[in-house]
Amino acid sequence: MKELLRTNDPTVIAFAQALLQGEGIDCFEMDVNISILEGSIGILPRRLMVRDQDHFRASAVIRDNEIPTGQD
């Protein structure tokens, strides 16, 4: 799996997941539990992962919708 984006904003993750699901691209959200353990104050970012073979298409979807990836 490859990291597609990293953010502290749960709405960005939800939006990205909806877009990817609409394109038939499976994705997985990581670091949810650690984010909850830190008290949900938004210090630790969550990551959205996709399969290696889907990364190029998923990156295009994210870029086309101007979603910040947090990897710049």
C-alpha atoms as a PDB file:
ATOM      1  CA  MET A   1       0.000   0.000   0.000  1.00  0.00           C
ATOM      2  CA  LYS A   2       1.069   3.558  -0.656  1.00  0.00           C
ATOM      3  CA  GLU A   3       0.201   6.724   1.212  1.00  0.00           C
ATOM      4  CA  LEU A   4      -2.071   8.969  -0.820  1.00  0.00           C
ATOM      5  CA  LEU A   5      -2.625  11.804   1.614  1.00  0.00           C
ATOM      6  CA  ARG A   6      -1.999  12.869   5.201  1.00  0.00           C
ATOM      7  CA  THR A   7      -4.167  15.353   7.058  1.00  0.00           C
ATOM      8  CA  ASN A   8      -5.479  16.404  10.461  1.00  0.00           C
ATOM      9  CA  ASP A   9      -8.854  17.291   8.933  1.00  0.00           C
ATOM     10  CA  PRO A  10     -11.350  14.385   9.075  1.00  0.00           C
ATOM     11  CA  THR A  11     -13.582  16.082   6.505  1.00  0.00           C
ATOM     12  CA  VAL A  12     -10.780  15.954   3.913  1.00  0.00           C
ATOM     13  CA  ILE A  13     -10.375  12.228   4.540  1.00  0.00           C
ATOM     14  CA  ALA A  14     -14.128  11.639   4.197  1.00  0.00           C
ATOM     15  CA  PHE A  15     -14.307  13.674   0.987  1.00  0.00           C
ATOM     16  CA  ALA A  16     -11.308  11.880  -0.529  1.00  0.00           C
ATOM     17  CA  GLN A  17     -12.744   8.475   0.406  1.00  0.00           C
ATOM     18  CA  ALA A  18     -16.072   9.333  -1.234  1.00  0.00           C
ATOM     19  CA  LEU A  19     -14.335  10.460  -4.432  1.00  0.00           C
ATOM     20  CA  LEU A  20     -12.162   7.347  -4.564  1.00  0.00           C
ATOM     21  CA  GLN A  21     -15.090   5.018  -3.914  1.00  0.00           C
ATOM     22  CA  GLY A  22     -16.967   6.751  -6.726  1.00  0.00           C
ATOM     23  CA  GLU A  23     -14.070   5.855  -9.032  1.00  0.00           C
ATOM     24  CA  GLY A  24     -13.983   2.245  -7.796  1.00  0.00           C
ATOM     25  CA  ILE A  25     -10.661   2.671  -5.975  1.00  0.00           C
ATOM     26  CA  ASP A  26     -10.331   0.920  -2.617  1.00  0.00           C
ATOM     27  CA  CYS A  27      -8.719   2.934   0.161  1.00  0.00           C
ATOM     28  CA  PHE A  28      -7.905   2.456   3.840  1.00  0.00           C
ATOM     29  CA  GLU A  29      -7.651   5.086   6.571  1.00  0.00           C
ATOM     30  CA  MET A  30      -4.729   4.613   8.953  1.00  0.00           C
ATOM     31  CA  ASP A  31      -3.901   6.174  12.328  1.00  0.00           C
ATOM     32  CA  VAL A  32      -7.554   6.542  13.333  1.00  0.00           C
ATOM     33  CA  ASN A  33      -7.083   4.869  16.699  1.00  0.00           C
ATOM     34  CA  ILE A  34      -3.984   6.852  17.661  1.00  0.00           C
ATOM     35  CA  SER A  35      -5.781  10.035  16.663  1.00  0.00           C
ATOM     36  CA  ILE A  36      -8.625   9.112  19.021  1.00  0.00           C
ATOM     37  CA  LEU A  37      -6.195   8.242  21.839  1.00  0.00           C
ATOM     38  CA  GLU A  38      -4.564  11.672  21.670  1.00  0.00           C
ATOM     39  CA  GLY A  39      -7.931  13.185  22.532  1.00  0.00           C
ATOM     40  CA  SER A  40      -9.144  14.166  19.061  1.00  0.00           C
ATOM     41  CA  ILE A  41      -7.454  17.546  19.324  1.00  0.00           C
ATOM     42  CA  GLY A  42      -6.012  17.140  15.842  1.00  0.00           C
ATOM     43  CA  ILE A  43      -2.293  16.958  16.582  1.00  0.00           C
ATOM     44  CA  LEU A  44      -1.593  13.640  14.883  1.00  0.00           C
ATOM     45  CA  PRO A  45      -2.515  13.359  11.210  1.00  0.00           C
ATOM     46  CA  ARG A  46      -4.437  10.489   9.661  1.00  0.00           C
ATOM     47  CA  ARG A  47      -3.258   8.812   6.468  1.00  0.00           C
ATOM     48  CA  LEU A  48      -5.246   7.526   3.522  1.00  0.00           C
ATOM     49  CA  MET A  49      -3.675   4.524   1.816  1.00  0.00           C
ATOM     50  CA  VAL A  50      -4.369   2.894  -1.557  1.00  0.00           C
ATOM     51  CA  ARG A  51      -3.049  -0.199  -3.313  1.00  0.00           C
ATOM     52  CA  ASP A  52       0.197   0.281  -5.235  1.00  0.00           C
ATOM     53  CA  GLN A  53      -1.484  -0.357  -8.585  1.00  0.00           C
ATOM     54  CA  ASP A  54      -4.207   2.244  -7.833  1.00  0.00           C
ATOM     55  CA  HIS A  55      -1.878   5.005  -6.627  1.00  0.00           C
ATOM     56  CA  PHE A  56      -1.483   6.775  -9.989  1.00  0.00           C
ATOM     57  CA  ARG A  57      -5.246   6.926 -10.655  1.00  0.00           C
ATOM     58  CA  ALA A  58      -6.007   7.870  -7.049  1.00  0.00           C
ATOM     59  CA  SER A  59      -3.427  10.661  -7.153  1.00  0.00           C
ATOM     60  CA  ALA A  60      -5.072  12.022 -10.297  1.00  0.00           C
ATOM     61  CA  VAL A  61      -8.490  12.042  -8.582  1.00  0.00           C
ATOM     62  CA  ILE A  62      -7.064  13.868  -5.562  1.00  0.00           C
ATOM     63  CA  ARG A  63      -5.152  16.368  -7.711  1.00  0.00           C
ATOM     64  CA  ASP A  64      -8.160  17.029 -10.008  1.00  0.00           C
ATOM     65  CA  ASN A  65     -10.284  17.871  -6.963  1.00  0.00           C
ATOM     66  CA  GLU A  66      -7.564  20.100  -5.470  1.00  0.00           C
ATOM     67  CA  ILE A  67      -7.324  18.157  -2.215  1.00  0.00           C
ATOM     68  CA  PRO A  68      -4.101  18.956  -0.323  1.00  0.00           C
ATOM     69  CA  THR A  69      -2.056  15.798   0.181  1.00  0.00           C
ATOM     70  CA  GLY A  70       0.101  16.985   3.080  1.00  0.00           C
ATOM     71  CA  GLN A  71       3.147  15.506   1.352  1.00  0.00           C
ATOM     72  CA  ASP A  72       4.510  18.702  -0.197  1.00  0.00           C
END
